[in-house]
Amino acid sequence: ECDENRYIPDTKMVRTIKRLHNSPRHRVWIHGT
């Protein structure tokens, strides 16, 4: 959001979210979108 020159592919972000969701050291929740 604050640096529009930085971007990553959709598949990499999905893998990151899934990895953090499976980690006991992170809390992941969905609110709206």
PDB file of all heavy atoms in Angstrom:
ATOM      1  N   GLU A   1       0.792  -1.222   0.000  1.00  0.00           N
ATOM      2  CA  GLU A   1       0.000   0.000   0.000  1.00  0.00           C
ATOM      3  C   GLU A   1       0.832   1.283   0.000  1.00  0.00           C
ATOM      4  O   GLU A   1       0.533   2.226  -0.709  1.00  0.00           O
ATOM      5  CB  GLU A   1      -0.952   0.004   1.189  1.00  0.00           C
ATOM      6  CG  GLU A   1      -2.008   1.076   1.092  1.00  0.00           C
ATOM      7  CD  GLU A   1      -3.103   0.872   2.091  1.00  0.00           C
ATOM      8  OE1 GLU A   1      -2.917   1.266   3.256  1.00  0.00           O
ATOM      9  OE2 GLU A   1      -4.140   0.301   1.708  1.00  0.00           O
ATOM     10  N   CYS A   2       1.894   1.343   0.767  1.00  0.00           N
ATOM     11  CA  CYS A   2       2.677   2.580   0.852  1.00  0.00           C
ATOM     12  C   CYS A   2       3.814   2.634  -0.172  1.00  0.00           C
ATOM     13  O   CYS A   2       4.481   3.654  -0.294  1.00  0.00           O
ATOM     14  CB  CYS A   2       3.225   2.766   2.262  1.00  0.00           C
ATOM     15  SG  CYS A   2       4.317   1.436   2.772  1.00  0.00           S
ATOM     16  N   ASP A   3       4.033   1.553  -0.919  1.00  0.00           N
ATOM     17  CA  ASP A   3       5.110   1.510  -1.910  1.00  0.00           C
ATOM     18  C   ASP A   3       4.609   0.741  -3.124  1.00  0.00           C
ATOM     19  O   ASP A   3       4.763  -0.468  -3.215  1.00  0.00           O
ATOM     20  CB  ASP A   3       6.344   0.842  -1.310  1.00  0.00           C
ATOM     21  CG  ASP A   3       7.530   0.839  -2.252  1.00  0.00           C
ATOM     22  OD1 ASP A   3       7.444   1.458  -3.342  1.00  0.00           O
ATOM     23  OD2 ASP A   3       8.546   0.215  -1.908  1.00  0.00           O
ATOM     24  N   GLU A   4       3.993   1.446  -4.069  1.00  0.00           N
ATOM     25  CA  GLU A   4       3.365   0.783  -5.204  1.00  0.00           C
ATOM     26  C   GLU A   4       4.358   0.149  -6.167  1.00  0.00           C
ATOM     27  O   GLU A   4       3.967  -0.558  -7.083  1.00  0.00           O
ATOM     28  CB  GLU A   4       2.451   1.755  -5.930  1.00  0.00           C
ATOM     29  CG  GLU A   4       1.273   2.169  -5.073  1.00  0.00           C
ATOM     30  CD  GLU A   4       0.305   3.063  -5.796  1.00  0.00           C
ATOM     31  OE1 GLU A   4       0.497   3.301  -7.004  1.00  0.00           O
ATOM     32  OE2 GLU A   4      -0.643   3.515  -5.149  1.00  0.00           O
ATOM     33  N   ASN A   5       5.650   0.390  -5.963  1.00  0.00           N
ATOM     34  CA  ASN A   5       6.666  -0.265  -6.795  1.00  0.00           C
ATOM     35  C   ASN A   5       6.980  -1.672  -6.303  1.00  0.00           C
ATOM     36  O   ASN A   5       7.632  -2.436  -7.000  1.00  0.00           O
ATOM     37  CB  ASN A   5       7.952   0.566  -6.838  1.00  0.00           C
ATOM     38  CG  ASN A   5       7.740   1.866  -7.567  1.00  0.00           C
ATOM     39  OD1 ASN A   5       6.973   1.928  -8.524  1.00  0.00           O
ATOM     40  ND2 ASN A   5       8.406   2.903  -7.114  1.00  0.00           N
ATOM     41  N   ARG A   6       6.532  -2.012  -5.096  1.00  0.00           N
ATOM     42  CA  ARG A   6       6.748  -3.361  -4.550  1.00  0.00           C
ATOM     43  C   ARG A   6       5.515  -4.197  -4.779  1.00  0.00           C
ATOM     44  O   ARG A   6       4.418  -3.829  -4.371  1.00  0.00           O
ATOM     45  CB  ARG A   6       7.055  -3.301  -3.053  1.00  0.00           C
ATOM     46  CG  ARG A   6       8.416  -2.694  -2.780  1.00  0.00           C
ATOM     47  CD  ARG A   6       8.902  -2.963  -1.413  1.00  0.00           C
ATOM     48  NE  ARG A   6       8.970  -4.405  -1.156  1.00  0.00           N
ATOM     49  CZ  ARG A   6       9.052  -4.921   0.059  1.00  0.00           C
ATOM     50  NH1 ARG A   6       9.081  -4.132   1.099  1.00  0.00           N
ATOM     51  NH2 ARG A   6       9.130  -6.218   0.226  1.00  0.00           N
ATOM     52  N   TYR A   7       5.700  -5.314  -5.440  1.00  0.00           N
ATOM     53  CA  TYR A   7       4.574  -6.218  -5.658  1.00  0.00           C
ATOM     54  C   TYR A   7       5.080  -7.649  -5.692  1.00  0.00           C
ATOM     55  O   TYR A   7       6.265  -7.904  -5.929  1.00  0.00           O
ATOM     56  CB  TYR A   7       3.820  -5.868  -6.938  1.00  0.00           C
ATOM     57  CG  TYR A   7       4.610  -6.037  -8.206  1.00  0.00           C
ATOM     58  CD1 TYR A   7       4.596  -7.243  -8.903  1.00  0.00           C
ATOM     59  CD2 TYR A   7       5.380  -5.002  -8.716  1.00  0.00           C
ATOM     60  CE1 TYR A   7       5.323  -7.408 -10.063  1.00  0.00           C
ATOM     61  CE2 TYR A   7       6.115  -5.154  -9.870  1.00  0.00           C
ATOM     62  CZ  TYR A   7       6.076  -6.355 -10.550  1.00  0.00           C
ATOM     63  OH  TYR A   7       6.806  -6.515 -11.691  1.00  0.00           O
ATOM     64  N   ILE A   8       4.172  -8.583  -5.404  1.00  0.00           N
ATOM     65  CA  ILE A   8       4.495 -10.004  -5.461  1.00  0.00           C
ATOM     66  C   ILE A   8       3.359 -10.721  -6.183  1.00  0.00           C
ATOM     67  O   ILE A   8       2.215 -10.261  -6.179  1.00  0.00           O
ATOM     68  CB  ILE A   8       4.728 -10.617  -4.067  1.00  0.00           C
ATOM     69  CG1 ILE A   8       3.501 -10.469  -3.185  1.00  0.00           C
ATOM     70  CG2 ILE A   8       5.949 -10.025  -3.396  1.00  0.00           C
ATOM     71  CD1 ILE A   8       3.625 -11.206  -1.869  1.00  0.00           C
ATOM     72  N   PRO A   9       3.660 -11.855  -6.806  1.00  0.00           N
ATOM     73  CA  PRO A   9       2.616 -12.603  -7.512  1.00  0.00           C
ATOM     74  C   PRO A   9       1.545 -13.130  -6.556  1.00  0.00           C
ATOM     75  O   PRO A   9       1.799 -13.353  -5.374  1.00  0.00           O
ATOM     76  CB  PRO A   9       3.363 -13.769  -8.159  1.00  0.00           C
ATOM     77  CG  PRO A   9       4.804 -13.423  -8.086  1.00  0.00           C
ATOM     78  CD  PRO A   9       4.977 -12.455  -6.967  1.00  0.00           C
ATOM     79  N   ASP A  10       0.368 -13.338  -7.095  1.00  0.00           N
ATOM     80  CA  ASP A  10      -0.768 -13.828  -6.315  1.00  0.00           C
ATOM     81  C   ASP A  10      -0.454 -15.165  -5.658  1.00  0.00           C
ATOM     82  O   ASP A  10      -0.759 -15.370  -4.491  1.00  0.00           O
ATOM     83  CB  ASP A  10      -1.991 -13.952  -7.231  1.00  0.00           C
ATOM     84  CG  ASP A  10      -3.268 -14.163  -6.472  1.00  0.00           C
ATOM     85  OD1 ASP A  10      -3.533 -13.391  -5.533  1.00  0.00           O
ATOM     86  OD2 ASP A  10      -4.012 -15.099  -6.815  1.00  0.00           O
ATOM     87  N   THR A  11       0.180 -16.074  -6.378  1.00  0.00           N
ATOM     88  CA  THR A  11       0.459 -17.407  -5.835  1.00  0.00           C
ATOM     89  C   THR A  11       1.417 -17.350  -4.647  1.00  0.00           C
ATOM     90  O   THR A  11       1.265 -18.111  -3.694  1.00  0.00           O
ATOM     91  CB  THR A  11       1.042 -18.327  -6.909  1.00  0.00           C
ATOM     92  OG1 THR A  11       2.179 -17.693  -7.505  1.00  0.00           O
ATOM     93  CG2 THR A  11       0.015 -18.623  -7.988  1.00  0.00           C
ATOM     94  N   LYS A  12       2.374 -16.423  -4.677  1.00  0.00           N
ATOM     95  CA  LYS A  12       3.316 -16.313  -3.558  1.00  0.00           C
ATOM     96  C   LYS A  12       2.617 -15.806  -2.299  1.00  0.00           C
ATOM     97  O   LYS A  12       2.871 -16.296  -1.192  1.00  0.00           O
ATOM     98  CB  LYS A  12       4.471 -15.387  -3.926  1.00  0.00           C
ATOM     99  CG  LYS A  12       5.521 -15.312  -2.850  1.00  0.00           C
ATOM    100  CD  LYS A  12       6.721 -14.513  -3.276  1.00  0.00           C
ATOM    101  CE  LYS A  12       7.738 -14.490  -2.154  1.00  0.00           C
ATOM    102  NZ  LYS A  12       8.910 -13.697  -2.507  1.00  0.00           N
ATOM    103  N   MET A  13       1.699 -14.834  -2.444  1.00  0.00           N
ATOM    104  CA  MET A  13       0.971 -14.330  -1.281  1.00  0.00           C
ATOM    105  C   MET A  13       0.074 -15.419  -0.710  1.00  0.00           C
ATOM    106  O   MET A  13      -0.022 -15.569   0.515  1.00  0.00           O
ATOM    107  CB  MET A  13       0.135 -13.103  -1.651  1.00  0.00           C
ATOM    108  CG  MET A  13      -0.627 -12.530  -0.479  1.00  0.00           C
ATOM    109  SD  MET A  13       0.402 -11.918   0.884  1.00  0.00           S
ATOM    110  CE  MET A  13       0.877 -10.329   0.246  1.00  0.00           C
ATOM    111  N   VAL A  14      -0.573 -16.202  -1.563  1.00  0.00           N
ATOM    112  CA  VAL A  14      -1.432 -17.283  -1.079  1.00  0.00           C
ATOM    113  C   VAL A  14      -0.601 -18.296  -0.299  1.00  0.00           C
ATOM    114  O   VAL A  14      -1.015 -18.749   0.772  1.00  0.00           O
ATOM    115  CB  VAL A  14      -2.176 -17.958  -2.252  1.00  0.00           C
ATOM    116  CG1 VAL A  14      -2.886 -19.220  -1.795  1.00  0.00           C
ATOM    117  CG2 VAL A  14      -3.161 -16.985  -2.868  1.00  0.00           C
ATOM    118  N   ARG A  15       0.576 -18.654  -0.793  1.00  0.00           N
ATOM    119  CA  ARG A  15       1.458 -19.580  -0.061  1.00  0.00           C
ATOM    120  C   ARG A  15       1.868 -18.998   1.281  1.00  0.00           C
ATOM    121  O   ARG A  15       1.927 -19.703   2.298  1.00  0.00           O
ATOM    122  CB  ARG A  15       2.704 -19.909  -0.895  1.00  0.00           C
ATOM    123  CG  ARG A  15       2.473 -20.935  -1.970  1.00  0.00           C
ATOM    124  CD  ARG A  15       3.770 -21.486  -2.536  1.00  0.00           C
ATOM    125  NE  ARG A  15       4.762 -20.466  -2.852  1.00  0.00           N
ATOM    126  CZ  ARG A  15       4.933 -19.928  -4.062  1.00  0.00           C
ATOM    127  NH1 ARG A  15       4.185 -20.304  -5.052  1.00  0.00           N
ATOM    128  NH2 ARG A  15       5.864 -19.035  -4.264  1.00  0.00           N
ATOM    129  N   THR A  16       2.161 -17.702   1.321  1.00  0.00           N
ATOM    130  CA  THR A  16       2.546 -17.043   2.571  1.00  0.00           C
ATOM    131  C   THR A  16       1.404 -17.082   3.579  1.00  0.00           C
ATOM    132  O   THR A  16       1.610 -17.408   4.751  1.00  0.00           O
ATOM    133  CB  THR A  16       2.953 -15.580   2.304  1.00  0.00           C
ATOM    134  OG1 THR A  16       4.047 -15.565   1.392  1.00  0.00           O
ATOM    135  CG2 THR A  16       3.349 -14.875   3.579  1.00  0.00           C
ATOM    136  N   ILE A  17       0.190 -16.780   3.138  1.00  0.00           N
ATOM    137  CA  ILE A  17      -0.963 -16.807   4.035  1.00  0.00           C
ATOM    138  C   ILE A  17      -1.178 -18.210   4.580  1.00  0.00           C
ATOM    139  O   ILE A  17      -1.386 -18.401   5.782  1.00  0.00           O
ATOM    140  CB  ILE A  17      -2.228 -16.306   3.308  1.00  0.00           C
ATOM    141  CG1 ILE A  17      -2.099 -14.826   2.965  1.00  0.00           C
ATOM    142  CG2 ILE A  17      -3.466 -16.541   4.167  1.00  0.00           C
ATOM    143  CD1 ILE A  17      -3.165 -14.317   2.028  1.00  0.00           C
ATOM    144  N   LYS A  18      -1.106 -19.213   3.726  1.00  0.00           N
ATOM    145  CA  LYS A  18      -1.309 -20.594   4.167  1.00  0.00           C
ATOM    146  C   LYS A  18      -0.229 -21.031   5.149  1.00  0.00           C
ATOM    147  O   LYS A  18      -0.516 -21.684   6.148  1.00  0.00           O
ATOM    148  CB  LYS A  18      -1.331 -21.533   2.961  1.00  0.00           C
ATOM    149  CG  LYS A  18      -2.599 -21.428   2.163  1.00  0.00           C
ATOM    150  CD  LYS A  18      -2.595 -22.403   1.004  1.00  0.00           C
ATOM    151  CE  LYS A  18      -3.885 -22.309   0.219  1.00  0.00           C
ATOM    152  NZ  LYS A  18      -3.917 -23.276  -0.875  1.00  0.00           N
ATOM    153  N   ARG A  19       1.019 -20.643   4.882  1.00  0.00           N
ATOM    154  CA  ARG A  19       2.123 -21.009   5.783  1.00  0.00           C
ATOM    155  C   ARG A  19       1.932 -20.382   7.160  1.00  0.00           C
ATOM    156  O   ARG A  19       2.091 -21.038   8.194  1.00  0.00           O
ATOM    157  CB  ARG A  19       3.461 -20.570   5.178  1.00  0.00           C
ATOM    158  CG  ARG A  19       4.663 -20.905   6.032  1.00  0.00           C
ATOM    159  CD  ARG A  19       5.966 -20.506   5.353  1.00  0.00           C
ATOM    160  NE  ARG A  19       5.992 -19.131   4.902  1.00  0.00           N
ATOM    161  CZ  ARG A  19       6.296 -18.073   5.665  1.00  0.00           C
ATOM    162  NH1 ARG A  19       6.617 -18.256   6.931  1.00  0.00           N
ATOM    163  NH2 ARG A  19       6.306 -16.859   5.173  1.00  0.00           N
ATOM    164  N   LEU A  20       1.555 -19.113   7.193  1.00  0.00           N
ATOM    165  CA  LEU A  20       1.350 -18.439   8.478  1.00  0.00           C
ATOM    166  C   LEU A  20       0.116 -18.968   9.192  1.00  0.00           C
ATOM    167  O   LEU A  20       0.082 -19.024  10.422  1.00  0.00           O
ATOM    168  CB  LEU A  20       1.261 -16.933   8.270  1.00  0.00           C
ATOM    169  CG  LEU A  20       2.560 -16.285   7.783  1.00  0.00           C
ATOM    170  CD1 LEU A  20       2.332 -14.814   7.474  1.00  0.00           C
ATOM    171  CD2 LEU A  20       3.676 -16.462   8.780  1.00  0.00           C
ATOM    172  N   HIS A  21      -0.905 -19.359   8.441  1.00  0.00           N
ATOM    173  CA  HIS A  21      -2.103 -19.934   9.050  1.00  0.00           C
ATOM    174  C   HIS A  21      -1.778 -21.247   9.758  1.00  0.00           C
ATOM    175  O   HIS A  21      -2.316 -21.533  10.820  1.00  0.00           O
ATOM    176  CB  HIS A  21      -3.175 -20.162   7.991  1.00  0.00           C
ATOM    177  CG  HIS A  21      -4.360 -20.906   8.492  1.00  0.00           C
ATOM    178  ND1 HIS A  21      -4.507 -22.254   8.305  1.00  0.00           N
ATOM    179  CD2 HIS A  21      -5.432 -20.496   9.192  1.00  0.00           C
ATOM    180  CE1 HIS A  21      -5.638 -22.642   8.874  1.00  0.00           C
ATOM    181  NE2 HIS A  21      -6.221 -21.597   9.420  1.00  0.00           N
ATOM    182  N   ASN A  22      -0.881 -22.033   9.183  1.00  0.00           N
ATOM    183  CA  ASN A  22      -0.512 -23.321   9.769  1.00  0.00           C
ATOM    184  C   ASN A  22       0.515 -23.187  10.891  1.00  0.00           C
ATOM    185  O   ASN A  22       0.829 -24.166  11.553  1.00  0.00           O
ATOM    186  CB  ASN A  22       0.010 -24.264   8.688  1.00  0.00           C
ATOM    187  CG  ASN A  22      -1.087 -24.665   7.728  1.00  0.00           C
ATOM    188  OD1 ASN A  22      -2.242 -24.792   8.109  1.00  0.00           O
ATOM    189  ND2 ASN A  22      -0.738 -24.839   6.471  1.00  0.00           N
ATOM    190  N   SER A  23       1.039 -21.987  11.094  1.00  0.00           N
ATOM    191  CA  SER A  23       2.033 -21.753  12.132  1.00  0.00           C
ATOM    192  C   SER A  23       1.353 -21.494  13.474  1.00  0.00           C
ATOM    193  O   SER A  23       0.438 -20.669  13.562  1.00  0.00           O
ATOM    194  CB  SER A  23       2.889 -20.542  11.762  1.00  0.00           C
ATOM    195  OG  SER A  23       3.657 -20.121  12.854  1.00  0.00           O
ATOM    196  N   PRO A  24       1.796 -22.152  14.535  1.00  0.00           N
ATOM    197  CA  PRO A  24       1.202 -21.882  15.850  1.00  0.00           C
ATOM    198  C   PRO A  24       1.610 -20.518  16.421  1.00  0.00           C
ATOM    199  O   PRO A  24       1.056 -20.077  17.418  1.00  0.00           O
ATOM    200  CB  PRO A  24       1.739 -23.020  16.718  1.00  0.00           C
ATOM    201  CG  PRO A  24       3.003 -23.432  16.062  1.00  0.00           C
ATOM    202  CD  PRO A  24       2.801 -23.202  14.592  1.00  0.00           C
ATOM    203  N   ARG A  25       2.569 -19.847  15.787  1.00  0.00           N
ATOM    204  CA  ARG A  25       3.040 -18.553  16.289  1.00  0.00           C
ATOM    205  C   ARG A  25       2.326 -17.366  15.656  1.00  0.00           C
ATOM    206  O   ARG A  25       2.697 -16.221  15.898  1.00  0.00           O
ATOM    207  CB  ARG A  25       4.543 -18.431  16.053  1.00  0.00           C
ATOM    208  CG  ARG A  25       5.273 -19.544  16.789  1.00  0.00           C
ATOM    209  CD  ARG A  25       6.667 -19.240  17.197  1.00  0.00           C
ATOM    210  NE  ARG A  25       6.789 -17.981  17.880  1.00  0.00           N
ATOM    211  CZ  ARG A  25       7.796 -17.147  17.670  1.00  0.00           C
ATOM    212  NH1 ARG A  25       8.744 -17.450  16.834  1.00  0.00           N
ATOM    213  NH2 ARG A  25       7.866 -16.020  18.338  1.00  0.00           N
ATOM    214  N   HIS A  26       1.313 -17.630  14.818  1.00  0.00           N
ATOM    215  CA  HIS A  26       0.575 -16.553  14.170  1.00  0.00           C
ATOM    216  C   HIS A  26      -0.925 -16.768  14.315  1.00  0.00           C
ATOM    217  O   HIS A  26      -1.401 -17.897  14.350  1.00  0.00           O
ATOM    218  CB  HIS A  26       0.925 -16.473  12.681  1.00  0.00           C
ATOM    219  CG  HIS A  26       2.322 -16.033  12.443  1.00  0.00           C
ATOM    220  ND1 HIS A  26       3.372 -16.922  12.396  1.00  0.00           N
ATOM    221  CD2 HIS A  26       2.852 -14.803  12.264  1.00  0.00           C
ATOM    222  CE1 HIS A  26       4.489 -16.251  12.194  1.00  0.00           C
ATOM    223  NE2 HIS A  26       4.197 -14.967  12.105  1.00  0.00           N
ATOM    224  N   ARG A  27      -1.640 -15.674  14.394  1.00  0.00           N
ATOM    225  CA  ARG A  27      -3.099 -15.709  14.414  1.00  0.00           C
ATOM    226  C   ARG A  27      -3.572 -15.103  13.098  1.00  0.00           C
ATOM    227  O   ARG A  27      -3.147 -14.007  12.716  1.00  0.00           O
ATOM    228  CB  ARG A  27      -3.633 -14.899  15.584  1.00  0.00           C
ATOM    229  CG  ARG A  27      -5.129 -14.920  15.660  1.00  0.00           C
ATOM    230  CD  ARG A  27      -5.611 -14.300  16.971  1.00  0.00           C
ATOM    231  NE  ARG A  27      -7.064 -14.223  16.926  1.00  0.00           N
ATOM    232  CZ  ARG A  27      -7.751 -13.099  16.983  1.00  0.00           C
ATOM    233  NH1 ARG A  27      -7.119 -11.953  17.135  1.00  0.00           N
ATOM    234  NH2 ARG A  27      -9.054 -13.113  16.922  1.00  0.00           N
ATOM    235  N   VAL A  28      -4.445 -15.820  12.396  1.00  0.00           N
ATOM    236  CA  VAL A  28      -4.946 -15.371  11.099  1.00  0.00           C
ATOM    237  C   VAL A  28      -6.470 -15.373  11.158  1.00  0.00           C
ATOM    238  O   VAL A  28      -7.077 -16.347  11.589  1.00  0.00           O
ATOM    239  CB  VAL A  28      -4.459 -16.313   9.972  1.00  0.00           C
ATOM    240  CG1 VAL A  28      -5.011 -15.878   8.630  1.00  0.00           C
ATOM    241  CG2 VAL A  28      -2.940 -16.369   9.928  1.00  0.00           C
ATOM    242  N   TRP A  29      -7.081 -14.278  10.742  1.00  0.00           N
ATOM    243  CA  TRP A  29      -8.536 -14.229  10.662  1.00  0.00           C
ATOM    244  C   TRP A  29      -8.946 -13.366   9.480  1.00  0.00           C
ATOM    245  O   TRP A  29      -8.175 -12.551   8.983  1.00  0.00           O
ATOM    246  CB  TRP A  29      -9.151 -13.730  11.961  1.00  0.00           C
ATOM    247  CG  TRP A  29      -8.974 -12.279  12.264  1.00  0.00           C
ATOM    248  CD1 TRP A  29      -9.870 -11.277  12.017  1.00  0.00           C
ATOM    249  CD2 TRP A  29      -7.849 -11.655  12.880  1.00  0.00           C
ATOM    250  NE1 TRP A  29      -9.368 -10.069  12.447  1.00  0.00           N
ATOM    251  CE2 TRP A  29      -8.118 -10.287  12.977  1.00  0.00           C
ATOM    252  CE3 TRP A  29      -6.618 -12.124  13.360  1.00  0.00           C
ATOM    253  CZ2 TRP A  29      -7.223  -9.373  13.524  1.00  0.00           C
ATOM    254  CZ3 TRP A  29      -5.728 -11.223  13.900  1.00  0.00           C
ATOM    255  CH2 TRP A  29      -6.033  -9.870  13.983  1.00  0.00           C
ATOM    256  N   ILE A  30     -10.179 -13.572   9.034  1.00  0.00           N
ATOM    257  CA  ILE A  30     -10.719 -12.840   7.892  1.00  0.00           C
ATOM    258  C   ILE A  30     -11.818 -11.915   8.398  1.00  0.00           C
ATOM    259  O   ILE A  30     -12.704 -12.319   9.147  1.00  0.00           O
ATOM    260  CB  ILE A  30     -11.283 -13.810   6.834  1.00  0.00           C
ATOM    261  CG1 ILE A  30     -10.167 -14.704   6.312  1.00  0.00           C
ATOM    262  CG2 ILE A  30     -11.956 -13.049   5.708  1.00  0.00           C
ATOM    263  CD1 ILE A  30     -10.641 -15.828   5.425  1.00  0.00           C
ATOM    264  N   HIS A  31     -11.743 -10.653   7.978  1.00  0.00           N
ATOM    265  CA  HIS A  31     -12.768  -9.668   8.316  1.00  0.00           C
ATOM    266  C   HIS A  31     -13.174  -8.980   7.010  1.00  0.00           C
ATOM    267  O   HIS A  31     -12.379  -8.228   6.428  1.00  0.00           O
ATOM    268  CB  HIS A  31     -12.229  -8.651   9.316  1.00  0.00           C
ATOM    269  CG  HIS A  31     -13.242  -7.615   9.684  1.00  0.00           C
ATOM    270  ND1 HIS A  31     -14.263  -7.872  10.562  1.00  0.00           N
ATOM    271  CD2 HIS A  31     -13.401  -6.343   9.276  1.00  0.00           C
ATOM    272  CE1 HIS A  31     -15.002  -6.782  10.695  1.00  0.00           C
ATOM    273  NE2 HIS A  31     -14.499  -5.843   9.918  1.00  0.00           N
ATOM    274  N   GLY A  32     -14.367  -9.265   6.545  1.00  0.00           N
ATOM    275  CA  GLY A  32     -14.815  -8.696   5.271  1.00  0.00           C
ATOM    276  C   GLY A  32     -13.973  -9.239   4.132  1.00  0.00           C
ATOM    277  O   GLY A  32     -13.938 -10.440   3.900  1.00  0.00           O
ATOM    278  N   THR A  33     -13.270  -8.357   3.437  1.00  0.00           N
ATOM    279  CA  THR A  33     -12.407  -8.776   2.333  1.00  0.00           C
ATOM    280  C   THR A  33     -10.927  -8.693   2.704  1.00  0.00           C
ATOM    281  O   THR A  33     -10.066  -8.692   1.833  1.00  0.00           O
ATOM    282  CB  THR A  33     -12.670  -7.916   1.082  1.00  0.00           C
ATOM    283  OG1 THR A  33     -12.397  -6.551   1.402  1.00  0.00           O
ATOM    284  CG2 THR A  33     -14.093  -8.066   0.603  1.00  0.00           C
TER     285      THR A  33
END
